Amino acid sequence: MHELSIITSLFETLESQARDHNASRITAVQLQVGALSGAVPELLREAFDMYAKGTVADGAALTIVQPPVRVKCRACGLETEPRDFIFKCGECGSTDISLAAGTELFLEKIELETD
């Protein structure tokens, strides 16, 4: 379960940001987790809830945004969403594509409560 190591690293950032901004609490956290990131949102949520207990983020709301997978076609230049994970251009059908989105795994937003 590498999601626990992801959350452990996330909490280092969260606690550092809380200290840097003299925050008494973290009230909300938003993550971007692409379908091809290798992380399972449900497991991230479970790990977050376990890790948050007794920390500055205890009770914080976790929002996980899952952007769609998008590919950029090298043949026609358009960006489309593949259907059923068939990786080809949705416009011209070319398989000469690159991933444009779907591998994201990052902290997008933190909401802090200060005195």
N, C-alpha and C. Protein backbone atom coordinates (compact mmCIF):
# COMPACT_ATOMS: atom_id res chain seq x y z
N MET A 1 0.85 -1.18 0.00
CA MET A 1 0.00 0.00 0.00
C MET A 1 0.90 1.24 0.00
N HIS A 2 1.27 1.69 -1.19
CA HIS A 2 2.13 2.86 -1.27
C HIS A 2 1.36 4.15 -0.99
N GLU A 3 0.03 4.06 -0.92
CA GLU A 3 -0.76 5.23 -0.58
C GLU A 3 -0.40 5.78 0.79
N LEU A 4 -0.02 4.91 1.72
CA LEU A 4 0.38 5.37 3.05
C LEU A 4 1.66 6.20 2.97
N SER A 5 2.61 5.80 2.15
CA SER A 5 3.83 6.60 2.01
C SER A 5 3.54 7.93 1.32
N ILE A 6 2.58 7.95 0.40
CA ILE A 6 2.18 9.21 -0.25
C ILE A 6 1.58 10.14 0.79
N ILE A 7 0.71 9.61 1.64
CA ILE A 7 0.06 10.42 2.67
C ILE A 7 1.07 10.88 3.72
N THR A 8 2.02 10.03 4.06
CA THR A 8 3.07 10.42 5.01
C THR A 8 3.83 11.63 4.47
N SER A 9 4.19 11.59 3.21
CA SER A 9 4.88 12.71 2.58
C SER A 9 3.97 13.94 2.50
N LEU A 10 2.70 13.73 2.19
CA LEU A 10 1.74 14.84 2.15
C LEU A 10 1.67 15.54 3.50
N PHE A 11 1.65 14.77 4.58
CA PHE A 11 1.53 15.37 5.91
C PHE A 11 2.78 16.16 6.31
N GLU A 12 3.92 15.80 5.78
CA GLU A 12 5.11 16.62 6.02
C GLU A 12 4.89 18.02 5.43
N THR A 13 4.32 18.06 4.23
CA THR A 13 4.02 19.34 3.58
C THR A 13 2.92 20.09 4.33
N LEU A 14 1.86 19.39 4.70
CA LEU A 14 0.75 20.04 5.40
C LEU A 14 1.20 20.65 6.71
N GLU A 15 1.94 19.90 7.50
CA GLU A 15 2.40 20.40 8.80
C GLU A 15 3.37 21.56 8.63
N SER A 16 4.21 21.49 7.61
CA SER A 16 5.14 22.59 7.33
C SER A 16 4.38 23.86 6.94
N GLN A 17 3.38 23.72 6.10
CA GLN A 17 2.58 24.88 5.68
C GLN A 17 1.80 25.46 6.87
N ALA A 18 1.28 24.61 7.71
CA ALA A 18 0.55 25.08 8.89
C ALA A 18 1.48 25.89 9.80
N ARG A 19 2.70 25.37 10.01
CA ARG A 19 3.68 26.10 10.82
C ARG A 19 4.05 27.43 10.18
N ASP A 20 4.34 27.39 8.88
CA ASP A 20 4.78 28.61 8.17
C ASP A 20 3.72 29.71 8.20
N HIS A 21 2.44 29.33 8.28
CA HIS A 21 1.36 30.31 8.25
C HIS A 21 0.70 30.49 9.62
N ASN A 22 1.36 29.97 10.66
CA ASN A 22 0.83 30.05 12.03
C ASN A 22 -0.64 29.60 12.11
N ALA A 23 -0.94 28.51 11.46
CA ALA A 23 -2.30 27.98 11.45
C ALA A 23 -2.53 27.08 12.65
N SER A 24 -3.71 27.20 13.22
CA SER A 24 -4.07 26.34 14.34
C SER A 24 -4.65 25.01 13.84
N ARG A 25 -5.20 25.04 12.63
CA ARG A 25 -5.80 23.83 12.07
C ARG A 25 -5.74 23.86 10.55
N ILE A 26 -5.78 22.68 9.98
CA ILE A 26 -6.01 22.53 8.55
C ILE A 26 -7.45 22.05 8.43
N THR A 27 -8.26 22.79 7.69
CA THR A 27 -9.69 22.44 7.60
C THR A 27 -10.04 21.68 6.33
N ALA A 28 -9.25 21.85 5.28
CA ALA A 28 -9.55 21.16 4.02
C ALA A 28 -8.28 20.96 3.20
N VAL A 29 -8.27 19.85 2.49
CA VAL A 29 -7.15 19.50 1.62
C VAL A 29 -7.75 19.00 0.31
N GLN A 30 -7.18 19.45 -0.81
CA GLN A 30 -7.64 18.98 -2.11
C GLN A 30 -6.47 18.40 -2.88
N LEU A 31 -6.65 17.19 -3.37
CA LEU A 31 -5.62 16.50 -4.16
C LEU A 31 -6.12 16.28 -5.58
N GLN A 32 -5.21 16.31 -6.53
CA GLN A 32 -5.49 15.88 -7.90
C GLN A 32 -4.90 14.48 -8.03
N VAL A 33 -5.73 13.51 -8.40
CA VAL A 33 -5.28 12.13 -8.53
C VAL A 33 -5.78 11.58 -9.87
N GLY A 34 -4.91 11.54 -10.86
CA GLY A 34 -5.27 11.03 -12.17
C GLY A 34 -5.47 9.53 -12.16
N ALA A 35 -6.29 9.07 -13.09
CA ALA A 35 -6.60 7.64 -13.18
C ALA A 35 -5.36 6.79 -13.46
N LEU A 36 -4.35 7.39 -14.07
CA LEU A 36 -3.12 6.66 -14.40
C LEU A 36 -1.97 6.99 -13.45
N SER A 37 -2.28 7.59 -12.31
CA SER A 37 -1.24 7.99 -11.35
C SER A 37 -0.67 6.81 -10.58
N GLY A 38 -1.40 5.73 -10.53
CA GLY A 38 -0.96 4.57 -9.76
C GLY A 38 -1.45 4.59 -8.32
N ALA A 39 -2.17 5.64 -7.94
CA ALA A 39 -2.71 5.74 -6.58
C ALA A 39 -4.22 5.49 -6.61
N VAL A 40 -4.70 4.81 -5.60
CA VAL A 40 -6.13 4.49 -5.51
C VAL A 40 -6.78 5.51 -4.56
N PRO A 41 -7.71 6.32 -5.08
CA PRO A 41 -8.32 7.37 -4.26
C PRO A 41 -8.91 6.87 -2.94
N GLU A 42 -9.58 5.74 -2.94
CA GLU A 42 -10.19 5.22 -1.71
C GLU A 42 -9.13 4.89 -0.66
N LEU A 43 -8.00 4.34 -1.12
CA LEU A 43 -6.92 4.01 -0.19
C LEU A 43 -6.23 5.28 0.31
N LEU A 44 -6.12 6.29 -0.55
CA LEU A 44 -5.56 7.58 -0.10
C LEU A 44 -6.45 8.18 0.97
N ARG A 45 -7.76 8.10 0.77
CA ARG A 45 -8.71 8.65 1.75
C ARG A 45 -8.59 7.92 3.09
N GLU A 46 -8.52 6.59 3.05
CA GLU A 46 -8.38 5.81 4.29
C GLU A 46 -7.08 6.16 5.01
N ALA A 47 -5.99 6.24 4.25
CA ALA A 47 -4.69 6.57 4.84
C ALA A 47 -4.72 7.98 5.41
N PHE A 48 -5.34 8.92 4.71
CA PHE A 48 -5.44 10.31 5.19
C PHE A 48 -6.19 10.34 6.52
N ASP A 49 -7.33 9.67 6.59
CA ASP A 49 -8.13 9.67 7.81
C ASP A 49 -7.37 9.05 8.99
N MET A 50 -6.63 7.98 8.72
CA MET A 50 -5.84 7.34 9.78
C MET A 50 -4.72 8.27 10.26
N TYR A 51 -4.01 8.86 9.30
CA TYR A 51 -2.85 9.68 9.62
C TYR A 51 -3.23 11.00 10.29
N ALA A 52 -4.40 11.52 9.95
CA ALA A 52 -4.82 12.85 10.44
C ALA A 52 -5.14 12.86 11.93
N LYS A 53 -5.53 11.72 12.47
CA LYS A 53 -5.93 11.67 13.89
C LYS A 53 -4.82 12.22 14.79
N GLY A 54 -5.18 13.22 15.60
CA GLY A 54 -4.24 13.80 16.54
C GLY A 54 -3.27 14.80 15.94
N THR A 55 -3.44 15.13 14.65
CA THR A 55 -2.55 16.10 14.01
C THR A 55 -3.31 17.41 13.79
N VAL A 56 -2.63 18.38 13.22
CA VAL A 56 -3.22 19.67 12.90
C VAL A 56 -4.33 19.52 11.84
N ALA A 57 -4.37 18.38 11.16
CA ALA A 57 -5.37 18.13 10.13
C ALA A 57 -6.49 17.21 10.60
N ASP A 58 -6.55 16.95 11.90
CA ASP A 58 -7.61 16.10 12.45
C ASP A 58 -8.97 16.73 12.12
N GLY A 59 -9.81 15.98 11.43
CA GLY A 59 -11.13 16.49 11.05
C GLY A 59 -11.16 17.25 9.74
N ALA A 60 -10.03 17.39 9.07
CA ALA A 60 -9.99 18.12 7.81
C ALA A 60 -10.75 17.35 6.73
N ALA A 61 -11.42 18.08 5.87
CA ALA A 61 -12.13 17.49 4.74
C ALA A 61 -11.12 17.23 3.62
N LEU A 62 -11.13 16.01 3.10
CA LEU A 62 -10.26 15.67 1.98
C LEU A 62 -11.11 15.56 0.72
N THR A 63 -10.75 16.36 -0.28
CA THR A 63 -11.41 16.28 -1.58
C THR A 63 -10.40 15.73 -2.57
N ILE A 64 -10.81 14.72 -3.32
CA ILE A 64 -9.95 14.15 -4.34
C ILE A 64 -10.59 14.42 -5.70
N VAL A 65 -9.90 15.21 -6.50
CA VAL A 65 -10.36 15.53 -7.85
C VAL A 65 -9.67 14.56 -8.80
N GLN A 66 -10.47 13.92 -9.66
CA GLN A 66 -9.93 12.95 -10.60
C GLN A 66 -10.09 13.48 -12.03
N PRO A 67 -9.05 14.13 -12.54
CA PRO A 67 -9.14 14.65 -13.90
C PRO A 67 -9.20 13.51 -14.91
N PRO A 68 -9.87 13.72 -16.02
CA PRO A 68 -9.97 12.66 -17.03
C PRO A 68 -8.63 12.43 -17.72
N VAL A 69 -8.46 11.23 -18.23
CA VAL A 69 -7.29 10.92 -19.04
C VAL A 69 -7.49 11.64 -20.38
N ARG A 70 -6.43 12.30 -20.82
CA ARG A 70 -6.48 13.00 -22.11
C ARG A 70 -5.21 12.65 -22.89
N VAL A 71 -5.38 12.51 -24.19
CA VAL A 71 -4.24 12.24 -25.06
C VAL A 71 -4.13 13.34 -26.11
N LYS A 72 -2.89 13.62 -26.51
CA LYS A 72 -2.66 14.61 -27.57
C LYS A 72 -2.16 13.85 -28.79
N CYS A 73 -2.84 14.06 -29.88
CA CYS A 73 -2.51 13.39 -31.13
C CYS A 73 -1.38 14.11 -31.85
N ARG A 74 -0.35 13.35 -32.21
CA ARG A 74 0.76 13.94 -32.95
C ARG A 74 0.42 14.12 -34.44
N ALA A 75 -0.59 13.39 -34.90
CA ALA A 75 -0.97 13.46 -36.31
C ALA A 75 -1.84 14.69 -36.60
N CYS A 76 -2.91 14.88 -35.82
CA CYS A 76 -3.82 15.99 -36.10
C CYS A 76 -3.72 17.13 -35.10
N GLY A 77 -3.00 16.90 -33.99
CA GLY A 77 -2.77 17.96 -33.01
C GLY A 77 -3.87 18.17 -31.99
N LEU A 78 -4.96 17.41 -32.08
CA LEU A 78 -6.06 17.59 -31.14
C LEU A 78 -5.83 16.81 -29.85
N GLU A 79 -6.48 17.28 -28.82
CA GLU A 79 -6.44 16.64 -27.51
C GLU A 79 -7.82 16.05 -27.25
N THR A 80 -7.89 14.76 -26.95
CA THR A 80 -9.17 14.09 -26.73
C THR A 80 -9.08 13.15 -25.54
N GLU A 81 -10.23 12.69 -25.07
CA GLU A 81 -10.30 11.71 -24.00
C GLU A 81 -10.50 10.33 -24.63
N PRO A 82 -9.60 9.40 -24.36
CA PRO A 82 -9.78 8.06 -24.92
C PRO A 82 -11.02 7.38 -24.30
N ARG A 83 -11.67 6.57 -25.09
CA ARG A 83 -12.85 5.84 -24.60
C ARG A 83 -12.44 4.42 -24.24
N ASP A 84 -12.90 3.98 -23.09
CA ASP A 84 -12.64 2.61 -22.62
C ASP A 84 -11.14 2.29 -22.59
N PHE A 85 -10.33 3.30 -22.31
CA PHE A 85 -8.87 3.15 -22.22
C PHE A 85 -8.26 2.57 -23.49
N ILE A 86 -8.86 2.87 -24.62
CA ILE A 86 -8.27 2.55 -25.91
C ILE A 86 -7.51 3.80 -26.34
N PHE A 87 -6.21 3.73 -26.31
CA PHE A 87 -5.37 4.92 -26.48
C PHE A 87 -5.11 5.21 -27.95
N LYS A 88 -6.06 5.95 -28.51
CA LYS A 88 -5.93 6.46 -29.87
C LYS A 88 -6.66 7.80 -29.92
N CYS A 89 -6.38 8.57 -30.94
CA CYS A 89 -7.01 9.87 -31.10
C CYS A 89 -8.51 9.69 -31.31
N GLY A 90 -9.30 10.42 -30.54
CA GLY A 90 -10.75 10.36 -30.67
C GLY A 90 -11.26 11.05 -31.91
N GLU A 91 -10.40 11.79 -32.59
CA GLU A 91 -10.80 12.53 -33.79
C GLU A 91 -10.40 11.78 -35.07
N CYS A 92 -9.11 11.50 -35.21
CA CYS A 92 -8.64 10.90 -36.47
C CYS A 92 -8.31 9.41 -36.35
N GLY A 93 -8.27 8.89 -35.10
CA GLY A 93 -8.01 7.46 -34.90
C GLY A 93 -6.54 7.08 -34.84
N SER A 94 -5.66 8.04 -34.98
CA SER A 94 -4.22 7.74 -34.94
C SER A 94 -3.81 7.22 -33.57
N THR A 95 -2.84 6.32 -33.57
CA THR A 95 -2.28 5.83 -32.31
C THR A 95 -0.97 6.54 -31.98
N ASP A 96 -0.60 7.50 -32.80
CA ASP A 96 0.61 8.31 -32.54
C ASP A 96 0.22 9.44 -31.60
N ILE A 97 0.17 9.10 -30.33
CA ILE A 97 -0.34 10.02 -29.31
C ILE A 97 0.62 10.11 -28.14
N SER A 98 0.42 11.12 -27.31
CA SER A 98 1.13 11.24 -26.05
C SER A 98 0.10 11.55 -24.97
N LEU A 99 0.42 11.18 -23.74
CA LEU A 99 -0.49 11.49 -22.63
C LEU A 99 -0.42 12.98 -22.32
N ALA A 100 -1.59 13.60 -22.24
CA ALA A 100 -1.66 15.02 -21.91
C ALA A 100 -2.16 15.22 -20.48
N ALA A 101 -2.92 14.27 -19.96
CA ALA A 101 -3.44 14.36 -18.59
C ALA A 101 -3.86 12.97 -18.14
N GLY A 102 -3.86 12.80 -16.82
CA GLY A 102 -4.30 11.53 -16.25
C GLY A 102 -3.28 10.89 -15.33
N THR A 103 -2.06 11.44 -15.32
CA THR A 103 -1.02 10.89 -14.44
C THR A 103 -0.78 11.77 -13.22
N GLU A 104 -1.60 12.82 -13.06
CA GLU A 104 -1.39 13.78 -11.97
C GLU A 104 -1.50 13.10 -10.61
N LEU A 105 -0.69 13.59 -9.70
CA LEU A 105 -0.79 13.23 -8.28
C LEU A 105 -0.13 14.36 -7.52
N PHE A 106 -0.93 15.35 -7.13
CA PHE A 106 -0.36 16.49 -6.44
C PHE A 106 -1.37 17.17 -5.51
N LEU A 107 -0.81 17.90 -4.58
CA LEU A 107 -1.58 18.70 -3.64
C LEU A 107 -2.00 19.97 -4.37
N GLU A 108 -3.31 20.17 -4.48
CA GLU A 108 -3.82 21.32 -5.21
C GLU A 108 -4.16 22.49 -4.29
N LYS A 109 -4.71 22.19 -3.10
CA LYS A 109 -5.16 23.29 -2.23
C LYS A 109 -5.17 22.84 -0.78
N ILE A 110 -4.83 23.79 0.10
CA ILE A 110 -4.92 23.60 1.55
C ILE A 110 -5.69 24.78 2.11
N GLU A 111 -6.65 24.50 2.98
CA GLU A 111 -7.34 25.56 3.69
C GLU A 111 -6.91 25.52 5.14
N LEU A 112 -6.43 26.65 5.62
CA LEU A 112 -5.90 26.76 6.97
C LEU A 112 -6.78 27.65 7.83
N GLU A 113 -6.82 27.35 9.10
CA GLU A 113 -7.52 28.20 10.06
C GLU A 113 -6.46 28.85 10.95
N THR A 114 -6.49 30.17 10.98
CA THR A 114 -5.54 30.89 11.82
C THR A 114 -6.31 31.65 12.89
N ASP A 115 -5.61 32.01 13.95
CA ASP A 115 -6.24 32.73 15.05
C ASP A 115 -6.36 34.21 14.76
